[in-house]
C-alpha atoms as a PDB file:
ATOM      1  CA  MET A   1    -116.448-167.208 -34.442  1.00  0.00           C
ATOM      2  CA  ILE A   2    -119.820-168.041 -32.967  1.00  0.00           C
ATOM      3  CA  LEU A   3    -120.607-170.169 -36.015  1.00  0.00           C
ATOM      4  CA  ILE A   4    -117.526-172.295 -35.326  1.00  0.00           C
ATOM      5  CA  ALA A   5    -118.513-172.525 -31.659  1.00  0.00           C
ATOM      6  CA  LEU A   6    -122.015-173.693 -32.607  1.00  0.00           C
ATOM      7  CA  ALA A   7    -120.547-176.325 -34.921  1.00  0.00           C
ATOM      8  CA  ILE A   8    -118.333-177.595 -32.088  1.00  0.00           C
ATOM      9  CA  LEU A   9    -121.340-177.786 -29.770  1.00  0.00           C
ATOM     10  CA  CYS A  10    -123.184-179.873 -32.371  1.00  0.00           C
ATOM     11  CA  VAL A  11    -120.278-182.315 -32.451  1.00  0.00           C
ATOM     12  CA  ILE A  12    -120.005-182.459 -28.643  1.00  0.00           C
ATOM     13  CA  SER A  13    -123.708-183.304 -28.368  1.00  0.00           C
ATOM     14  CA  VAL A  14    -123.107-186.643 -30.135  1.00  0.00           C
ATOM     15  CA  PRO A  15    -121.142-188.467 -27.383  1.00  0.00           C
ATOM     16  CA  LEU A  16    -123.319-186.826 -24.733  1.00  0.00           C
ATOM     17  CA  THR A  17    -126.333-188.654 -26.222  1.00  0.00           C
ATOM     18  CA  GLY A  18    -124.583-192.015 -26.626  1.00  0.00           C
ATOM     19  CA  GLY A  19    -123.340-191.610 -30.190  1.00  0.00           C
ATOM     20  CA  SER A  20    -119.878-192.242 -31.614  1.00  0.00           C
ATOM     21  CA  ILE A  21    -118.028-189.616 -33.647  1.00  0.00           C
ATOM     22  CA  ALA A  22    -115.894-192.417 -35.125  1.00  0.00           C
ATOM     23  CA  LEU A  23    -118.912-193.572 -37.163  1.00  0.00           C
ATOM     24  CA  LEU A  24    -118.565-190.452 -39.332  1.00  0.00           C
ATOM     25  CA  ALA A  25    -115.675-192.248 -41.051  1.00  0.00           C
ATOM     26  CA  GLN A  26    -118.242-194.606 -42.604  1.00  0.00           C
ATOM     27  CA  LEU A  27    -119.872-191.785 -44.587  1.00  0.00           C
ATOM     28  CA  ARG A  28    -119.142-191.973 -48.303  1.00  0.00           C
ATOM     29  CA  LEU A  29    -118.845-188.309 -49.252  1.00  0.00           C
ATOM     30  CA  ARG A  30    -118.494-186.971 -52.782  1.00  0.00           C
ATOM     31  CA  TRP A  31    -116.725-183.756 -53.738  1.00  0.00           C
ATOM     32  CA  VAL A  32    -114.988-183.814 -50.356  1.00  0.00           C
ATOM     33  CA  TRP A  33    -112.533-181.103 -51.407  1.00  0.00           C
ATOM     34  CA  ALA A  34    -115.234-178.522 -52.215  1.00  0.00           C
ATOM     35  CA  ALA A  35    -116.372-177.614 -48.690  1.00  0.00           C
ATOM     36  CA  PRO A  36    -112.880-177.115 -47.150  1.00  0.00           C
ATOM     37  CA  PHE A  37    -111.780-175.121 -50.208  1.00  0.00           C
ATOM     38  CA  ALA A  38    -114.800-172.826 -49.931  1.00  0.00           C
ATOM     39  CA  LEU A  39    -114.192-172.308 -46.205  1.00  0.00           C
ATOM     40  CA  ALA A  40    -110.523-171.498 -46.791  1.00  0.00           C
ATOM     41  CA  ALA A  41    -111.433-168.962 -49.480  1.00  0.00           C
ATOM     42  CA  GLN A  42    -113.858-167.195 -47.125  1.00  0.00           C
ATOM     43  CA  VAL A  43    -111.197-167.008 -44.407  1.00  0.00           C
ATOM     44  CA  VAL A  44    -108.833-165.373 -46.900  1.00  0.00           C
ATOM     45  CA  ILE A  45    -111.231-162.674 -48.139  1.00  0.00           C
ATOM     46  CA  VAL A  46    -112.727-161.879 -44.705  1.00  0.00           C
ATOM     47  CA  THR A  47    -109.847-162.301 -42.252  1.00  0.00           C
ATOM     48  CA  ILE A  48    -106.474-162.548 -43.984  1.00  0.00           C
ATOM     49  CA  ALA A  49    -106.923-160.110 -46.891  1.00  0.00           C
ATOM     50  CA  PRO A  50    -110.140-158.088 -46.400  1.00  0.00           C
ATOM     51  CA  SER A  51    -108.806-155.048 -48.236  1.00  0.00           C
ATOM     52  CA  GLY A  52    -108.426-154.772 -51.973  1.00  0.00           C
ATOM     53  CA  ASN A  53    -110.817-154.957 -54.878  1.00  0.00           C
ATOM     54  CA  ALA A  54    -114.338-155.154 -53.409  1.00  0.00           C
ATOM     55  CA  THR A  55    -115.794-156.573 -56.618  1.00  0.00           C
ATOM     56  CA  LEU A  56    -113.268-159.434 -56.564  1.00  0.00           C
ATOM     57  CA  HIS A  57    -114.072-160.197 -52.937  1.00  0.00           C
ATOM     58  CA  GLU A  58    -117.783-160.254 -53.664  1.00  0.00           C
ATOM     59  CA  ALA A  59    -117.290-162.583 -56.645  1.00  0.00           C
ATOM     60  CA  ILE A  60    -115.177-164.961 -54.566  1.00  0.00           C
ATOM     61  CA  HIS A  61    -117.818-164.884 -51.826  1.00  0.00           C
ATOM     62  CA  VAL A  62    -120.535-165.945 -54.266  1.00  0.00           C
ATOM     63  CA  ALA A  63    -118.247-168.621 -55.743  1.00  0.00           C
ATOM     64  CA  THR A  64    -117.672-170.166 -52.313  1.00  0.00           C
ATOM     65  CA  TYR A  65    -121.413-170.652 -51.872  1.00  0.00           C
ATOM     66  CA  ALA A  66    -121.624-172.229 -55.318  1.00  0.00           C
ATOM     67  CA  LEU A  67    -118.973-174.743 -54.226  1.00  0.00           C
ATOM     68  CA  VAL A  68    -120.793-175.488 -50.993  1.00  0.00           C
ATOM     69  CA  LEU A  69    -124.095-176.009 -52.785  1.00  0.00           C
ATOM     70  CA  SER A  70    -122.384-178.354 -55.265  1.00  0.00           C
ATOM     71  CA  PHE A  71    -120.960-180.395 -52.386  1.00  0.00           C
ATOM     72  CA  LEU A  72    -124.347-180.591 -50.655  1.00  0.00           C
ATOM     73  CA  TRP A  73    -126.136-181.589 -53.864  1.00  0.00           C
ATOM     74  CA  ALA A  74    -123.615-184.365 -54.531  1.00  0.00           C
ATOM     75  CA  ASN A  75    -124.257-185.746 -51.034  1.00  0.00           C
ATOM     76  CA  ARG A  76    -127.990-185.129 -50.802  1.00  0.00           C
ATOM     77  CA  HIS A  77    -128.581-188.870 -50.170  1.00  0.00           C
ATOM     78  CA  ILE A  78    -127.152-188.459 -46.650  1.00  0.00           C
ATOM     79  CA  ALA A  79    -129.681-187.677 -43.912  1.00  0.00           C
ATOM     80  CA  GLY A  80    -129.608-183.994 -42.975  1.00  0.00           C
ATOM     81  CA  MET A  81    -127.803-182.811 -46.114  1.00  0.00           C
ATOM     82  CA  ARG A  82    -130.996-181.577 -47.772  1.00  0.00           C
ATOM     83  CA  ILE A  83    -131.800-179.427 -44.732  1.00  0.00           C
ATOM     84  CA  ILE A  84    -128.279-178.014 -44.710  1.00  0.00           C
ATOM     85  CA  GLY A  85    -128.681-177.371 -48.422  1.00  0.00           C
ATOM     86  CA  ALA A  86    -131.937-175.493 -47.872  1.00  0.00           C
ATOM     87  CA  GLY A  87    -130.230-173.206 -45.356  1.00  0.00           C
ATOM     88  CA  SER A  88    -127.250-172.630 -47.643  1.00  0.00           C
ATOM     89  CA  LEU A  89    -129.535-171.895 -50.589  1.00  0.00           C
ATOM     90  CA  SER A  90    -131.421-169.343 -48.492  1.00  0.00           C
ATOM     91  CA  ASN A  91    -128.152-167.564 -47.637  1.00  0.00           C
ATOM     92  CA  SER A  92    -127.012-167.740 -51.264  1.00  0.00           C
ATOM     93  CA  VAL A  93    -130.190-166.090 -52.539  1.00  0.00           C
ATOM     94  CA  ALA A  94    -129.778-163.196 -50.079  1.00  0.00           C
ATOM     95  CA  ILE A  95    -126.095-162.761 -50.951  1.00  0.00           C
ATOM     96  CA  ILE A  96    -126.645-162.826 -54.718  1.00  0.00           C
ATOM     97  CA  ALA A  97    -129.581-160.393 -54.417  1.00  0.00           C
ATOM     98  CA  ASN A  98    -127.264-157.923 -52.657  1.00  0.00           C
ATOM     99  CA  GLY A  99    -124.257-158.101 -54.959  1.00  0.00           C
ATOM    100  CA  GLY A 100    -122.179-160.653 -53.052  1.00  0.00           C
ATOM    101  CA  VAL A 101    -122.798-159.433 -49.484  1.00  0.00           C
ATOM    102  CA  MET A 102    -125.169-160.841 -46.870  1.00  0.00           C
ATOM    103  CA  PRO A 103    -127.479-158.009 -45.729  1.00  0.00           C
ATOM    104  CA  ALA A 104    -127.526-157.434 -41.976  1.00  0.00           C
ATOM    105  CA  SER A 105    -129.990-155.647 -39.737  1.00  0.00           C
ATOM    106  CA  ARG A 106    -128.576-152.579 -38.007  1.00  0.00           C
ATOM    107  CA  THR A 107    -130.787-153.265 -35.008  1.00  0.00           C
ATOM    108  CA  ALA A 108    -129.518-156.838 -34.752  1.00  0.00           C
ATOM    109  CA  GLN A 109    -125.921-155.607 -34.997  1.00  0.00           C
ATOM    110  CA  ARG A 110    -126.499-153.068 -32.237  1.00  0.00           C
ATOM    111  CA  ILE A 111    -128.095-155.646 -29.910  1.00  0.00           C
ATOM    112  CA  ALA A 112    -125.253-158.081 -30.556  1.00  0.00           C
ATOM    113  CA  GLY A 113    -122.663-155.344 -29.954  1.00  0.00           C
ATOM    114  CA  LEU A 114    -121.076-155.571 -33.393  1.00  0.00           C
ATOM    115  CA  LYS A 115    -119.120-152.749 -35.006  1.00  0.00           C
ATOM    116  CA  GLU A 116    -118.067-152.870 -38.633  1.00  0.00           C
ATOM    117  CA  GLY A 117    -114.495-151.994 -39.488  1.00  0.00           C
ATOM    118  CA  GLY A 118    -112.836-151.340 -42.800  1.00  0.00           C
ATOM    119  CA  GLY A 119    -112.368-153.780 -45.646  1.00  0.00           C
ATOM    120  CA  PHE A 120    -114.638-156.468 -47.013  1.00  0.00           C
ATOM    121  CA  HIS A 121    -117.393-157.903 -44.795  1.00  0.00           C
ATOM    122  CA  ASN A 122    -119.351-160.956 -45.867  1.00  0.00           C
ATOM    123  CA  SER A 123    -122.224-159.582 -43.749  1.00  0.00           C
ATOM    124  CA  ALA A 124    -122.900-155.849 -43.618  1.00  0.00           C
ATOM    125  CA  ALA A 125    -125.639-153.321 -43.002  1.00  0.00           C
ATOM    126  CA  LEU A 126    -126.523-151.982 -46.444  1.00  0.00           C
ATOM    127  CA  LEU A 127    -128.263-148.747 -47.373  1.00  0.00           C
ATOM    128  CA  HIS A 128    -130.868-150.427 -49.550  1.00  0.00           C
ATOM    129  CA  PRO A 129    -130.868-154.145 -48.733  1.00  0.00           C
ATOM    130  CA  HIS A 130    -132.861-156.696 -50.708  1.00  0.00           C
ATOM    131  CA  LEU A 131    -134.532-159.681 -49.041  1.00  0.00           C
ATOM    132  CA  LEU A 132    -133.396-158.503 -45.622  1.00  0.00           C
ATOM    133  CA  TRP A 133    -135.653-161.099 -43.977  1.00  0.00           C
ATOM    134  CA  LEU A 134    -133.284-163.740 -45.384  1.00  0.00           C
ATOM    135  CA  GLY A 135    -130.260-161.842 -44.099  1.00  0.00           C
ATOM    136  CA  ASP A 136    -128.573-161.615 -40.703  1.00  0.00           C
ATOM    137  CA  ILE A 137    -131.447-160.404 -38.557  1.00  0.00           C
ATOM    138  CA  ILE A 138    -131.009-162.575 -35.426  1.00  0.00           C
ATOM    139  CA  PRO A 139    -128.683-161.007 -32.829  1.00  0.00           C
ATOM    140  CA  ALA A 140    -126.354-163.257 -30.839  1.00  0.00           C
ATOM    141  CA  PRO A 141    -124.737-161.151 -28.098  1.00  0.00           C
ATOM    142  CA  GLY A 142    -122.132-162.508 -25.706  1.00  0.00           C
ATOM    143  CA  PRO A 143    -118.419-163.222 -25.694  1.00  0.00           C
ATOM    144  CA  LEU A 144    -118.612-164.119 -29.402  1.00  0.00           C
ATOM    145  CA  PRO A 145    -121.086-161.539 -30.739  1.00  0.00           C
ATOM    146  CA  ASN A 146    -122.562-162.117 -34.155  1.00  0.00           C
ATOM    147  CA  VAL A 147    -125.757-161.885 -36.170  1.00  0.00           C
ATOM    148  CA  LEU A 148    -127.388-164.946 -37.695  1.00  0.00           C
ATOM    149  CA  SER A 149    -129.827-165.595 -40.502  1.00  0.00           C
ATOM    150  CA  ILE A 150    -132.728-167.995 -40.879  1.00  0.00           C
ATOM    151  CA  GLY A 151    -130.474-169.955 -43.225  1.00  0.00           C
ATOM    152  CA  ASP A 152    -127.804-170.276 -40.523  1.00  0.00           C
ATOM    153  CA  CYS A 153    -130.324-171.730 -38.078  1.00  0.00           C
ATOM    154  CA  THR A 154    -131.526-174.163 -40.738  1.00  0.00           C
ATOM    155  CA  ILE A 155    -127.937-175.239 -41.453  1.00  0.00           C
ATOM    156  CA  PHE A 156    -127.245-176.062 -37.806  1.00  0.00           C
ATOM    157  CA  THR A 157    -130.527-177.957 -37.554  1.00  0.00           C
ATOM    158  CA  GLY A 158    -129.494-180.106 -40.508  1.00  0.00           C
ATOM    159  CA  MET A 159    -126.037-180.575 -38.997  1.00  0.00           C
ATOM    160  CA  LEU A 160    -127.532-181.902 -35.767  1.00  0.00           C
ATOM    161  CA  ILE A 161    -129.741-184.334 -37.692  1.00  0.00           C
ATOM    162  CA  LEU A 162    -126.814-185.547 -39.802  1.00  0.00           C
ATOM    163  CA  LEU A 163    -124.516-186.058 -36.815  1.00  0.00           C
ATOM    164  CA  HIS A 164    -127.026-187.871 -34.622  1.00  0.00           C
ATOM    165  CA  ILE A 165    -128.216-190.198 -37.393  1.00  0.00           C
ATOM    166  CA  ALA A 166    -124.762-190.957 -38.815  1.00  0.00           C
ATOM    167  CA  CYS A 167    -123.204-191.424 -35.354  1.00  0.00           C
ATOM    168  CA  ARG A 168    -126.003-193.488 -33.809  1.00  0.00           C
ATOM    169  CA  ARG A 169    -124.752-196.835 -32.507  1.00  0.00           C
ATOM    170  CA  PRO A 170    -126.563-199.883 -33.985  1.00  0.00           C
ATOM    171  CA  SER A 171    -129.048-201.544 -31.647  1.00  0.00           C
ATOM    172  CA  THR A 172    -128.448-205.251 -30.813  1.00  0.00           C
ATOM    173  CA  GLY A 173    -131.368-205.850 -28.446  1.00  0.00           C
ATOM    174  CA  ASN A 174    -133.695-207.506 -30.978  1.00  0.00           C
ATOM    175  CA  ALA A 175    -131.006-209.847 -32.316  1.00  0.00           C
ATOM    176  CA  ALA A 176    -130.546-211.498 -28.905  1.00  0.00           C
ATOM    177  CA  VAL A 177    -134.240-212.232 -28.487  1.00  0.00           C
ATOM    178  CA  ALA A 178    -134.979-213.523 -31.988  1.00  0.00           C
ATOM    179  CA  PRO A 179    -133.543-217.112 -31.707  1.00  0.00           C
ATOM    180  CA  ALA A 180    -135.581-217.927 -28.605  1.00  0.00           C
ATOM    181  CA  ALA A 181    -138.786-216.758 -30.262  1.00  0.00           C
ATOM    182  CA  VAL A 182    -138.280-218.775 -33.456  1.00  0.00           C
ATOM    183  CA  GLY A 183    -137.596-222.190 -31.916  1.00  0.00           C
ATOM    184  CA  SER A 184    -135.983-225.271 -33.459  1.00  0.00           C
ATOM    185  CA  PRO A 185    -137.102-226.937 -36.724  1.00  0.00           C
ATOM    186  CA  ALA A 186    -138.379-229.932 -34.755  1.00  0.00           C
ATOM    187  CA  ASP A 187    -140.628-227.693 -32.677  1.00  0.00           C
ATOM    188  CA  ARG A 188    -142.060-226.064 -35.794  1.00  0.00           C
ATOM    189  CA  ASP A 189    -142.746-229.496 -37.376  1.00  0.00           C
ATOM    190  CA  GLY A 190    -144.548-230.600 -34.231  1.00  0.00           C
ATOM    191  CA  ALA A 191    -146.675-227.476 -34.241  1.00  0.00           C
ATOM    192  CA  LEU A 192    -147.722-228.086 -37.851  1.00  0.00           C
ATOM    193  CA  ARG A 193    -148.498-231.832 -37.433  1.00  0.00           C
ATOM    194  CA  PRO A 194    -152.279-232.435 -37.828  1.00  0.00           C
ATOM    195  CA  THR A 195    -154.252-233.754 -34.877  1.00  0.00           C
ATOM    196  CA  GLY A 196    -157.664-235.403 -34.591  1.00  0.00           C
ATOM    197  CA  ARG A 197    -159.169-238.816 -35.304  1.00  0.00           C
ATOM    198  CA  HIS A 198    -158.066-238.775 -38.976  1.00  0.00           C
ATOM    199  CA  SER A 199    -154.375-238.301 -38.119  1.00  0.00           C
ATOM    200  CA  HIS A 200    -152.167-241.179 -39.307  1.00  0.00           C
ATOM    201  CA  ASP A 201    -149.104-240.041 -37.339  1.00  0.00           C
ATOM    202  CA  ALA A 202    -150.461-240.500 -33.804  1.00  0.00           C
ATOM    203  CA  PRO A 203    -153.779-241.637 -32.239  1.00  0.00           C
ATOM    204  CA  ALA A 204    -156.011-238.916 -30.924  1.00  0.00           C
ATOM    205  CA  VAL A 205    -156.691-240.781 -27.658  1.00  0.00           C
ATOM    206  CA  GLU A 206    -154.850-243.292 -25.567  1.00  0.00           C
ATOM    207  CA  GLY A 207    -155.486-246.947 -26.278  1.00  0.00           C
ATOM    208  CA  GLY A 208    -153.417-247.637 -29.399  1.00  0.00           C
ATOM    209  CA  GLU A 209    -154.929-250.492 -31.449  1.00  0.00           C
ATOM    210  CA  GLY A 210    -158.209-250.382 -29.525  1.00  0.00           C
ATOM    211  CA  ALA A 211    -158.863-246.871 -30.694  1.00  0.00           C
ATOM    212  CA  THR A 212    -158.098-247.829 -34.293  1.00  0.00           C
ATOM    213  CA  SER A 213    -160.513-250.807 -34.181  1.00  0.00           C
ATOM    214  CA  ALA A 214    -163.231-248.589 -32.783  1.00  0.00           C
ATOM    215  CA  ASP A 215    -162.811-246.198 -35.706  1.00  0.00           C
ATOM    216  CA  GLU A 216    -163.026-249.075 -38.189  1.00  0.00           C
ATOM    217  CA  ASP A 217    -166.260-250.339 -36.571  1.00  0.00           C
ATOM    218  CA  MET A 218    -167.810-246.870 -36.822  1.00  0.00           C
ATOM    219  CA  ARG A 219    -166.899-246.635 -40.510  1.00  0.00           C
ATOM    220  CA  SER A 220    -168.385-250.113 -41.157  1.00  0.00           C
ATOM    221  CA  ALA A 221    -171.610-249.120 -39.445  1.00  0.00           C
ATOM    222  CA  ASN A 222    -171.873-245.909 -41.473  1.00  0.00           C
ATOM    223  CA  PRO A 223    -170.392-246.380 -44.957  1.00  0.00           C
ATOM    224  CA  SER A 224    -171.166-242.791 -45.929  1.00  0.00           C
ATOM    225  CA  ASN A 225    -168.411-241.616 -43.619  1.00  0.00           C
ATOM    226  CA  VAL A 226    -165.807-243.665 -45.483  1.00  0.00           C
ATOM    227  CA  SER A 227    -163.723-241.453 -47.752  1.00  0.00           C
ATOM    228  CA  ARG A 228    -163.473-242.591 -51.349  1.00  0.00           C
ATOM    229  CA  SER A 229    -160.709-242.353 -53.847  1.00  0.00           C
ATOM    230  CA  PRO A 230    -161.081-240.686 -57.257  1.00  0.00           C
ATOM    231  CA  SER A 231    -161.132-244.148 -58.934  1.00  0.00           C
ATOM    232  CA  ASP A 232    -164.199-245.210 -56.885  1.00  0.00           C
ATOM    233  CA  HIS A 233    -165.976-242.049 -57.903  1.00  0.00           C
ATOM    234  CA  ALA A 234    -165.158-242.694 -61.570  1.00  0.00           C
ATOM    235  CA  GLY A 235    -166.602-246.219 -61.327  1.00  0.00           C
ATOM    236  CA  GLU A 236    -169.889-244.900 -60.011  1.00  0.00           C
ATOM    237  CA  VAL A 237    -170.113-242.498 -62.924  1.00  0.00           C
ATOM    238  CA  VAL A 238    -169.602-245.342 -65.433  1.00  0.00           C
ATOM    239  CA  VAL A 239    -172.281-247.557 -63.800  1.00  0.00           C
ATOM    240  CA  SER A 240    -174.757-244.675 -63.768  1.00  0.00           C
ATOM    241  CA  ALA A 241    -174.168-244.054 -67.454  1.00  0.00           C
ATOM    242  CA  ASN A 242    -174.786-247.725 -68.357  1.00  0.00           C
ATOM    243  CA  ILE A 243    -178.028-247.857 -66.414  1.00  0.00           C
ATOM    244  CA  SER A 244    -179.361-244.790 -68.138  1.00  0.00           C
END
């Protein structure tokens, strides 16, 4: 039950930080049926029908994790899914290594106040556990006592990342400022118009025709400052060739 409570807290944290849960509807999920089916199967073997063939329960337990991993792999392009997948893979490795049961620490169970009953348990204290450090070794005492694994903590971290990225409202602050910064096309043309005494669009100084006459006098006095066209330059080359 504490896992469900933690999942609800992750969802509640979204509106508390300014997000919108409604934005989750925009996610394009693949294999949507796999995760709910796996969860329903675990509820059946752990809560509704825990007694019966232990081998069948263990096989179903492993199969549910295979479904979850398939769902996460199909949606790995979504932010946070890879982290959730890493946590689920960690739990899967521990479960498979122990024959379909998640190994649990007896000390962690005692601190959390858990007592195992009869029937199938998806998490149990085993006589000879394998990879116990990947198992349920973190006690969570309280009104909903439980023991958690490193994989569980990783899963909830990925869930928080997914929710807060997918539910983040788009920012509109930059869009309102952009038009004022760009300016009109006429302003940009004015900024690019050349200035100086060689500009043909506007005189560099006041005086109109007087300033233009003064420039012509200066060019007459110093012919080297007069710019020449390519045809003038070609004529000089021809004359020089004839002289030589």
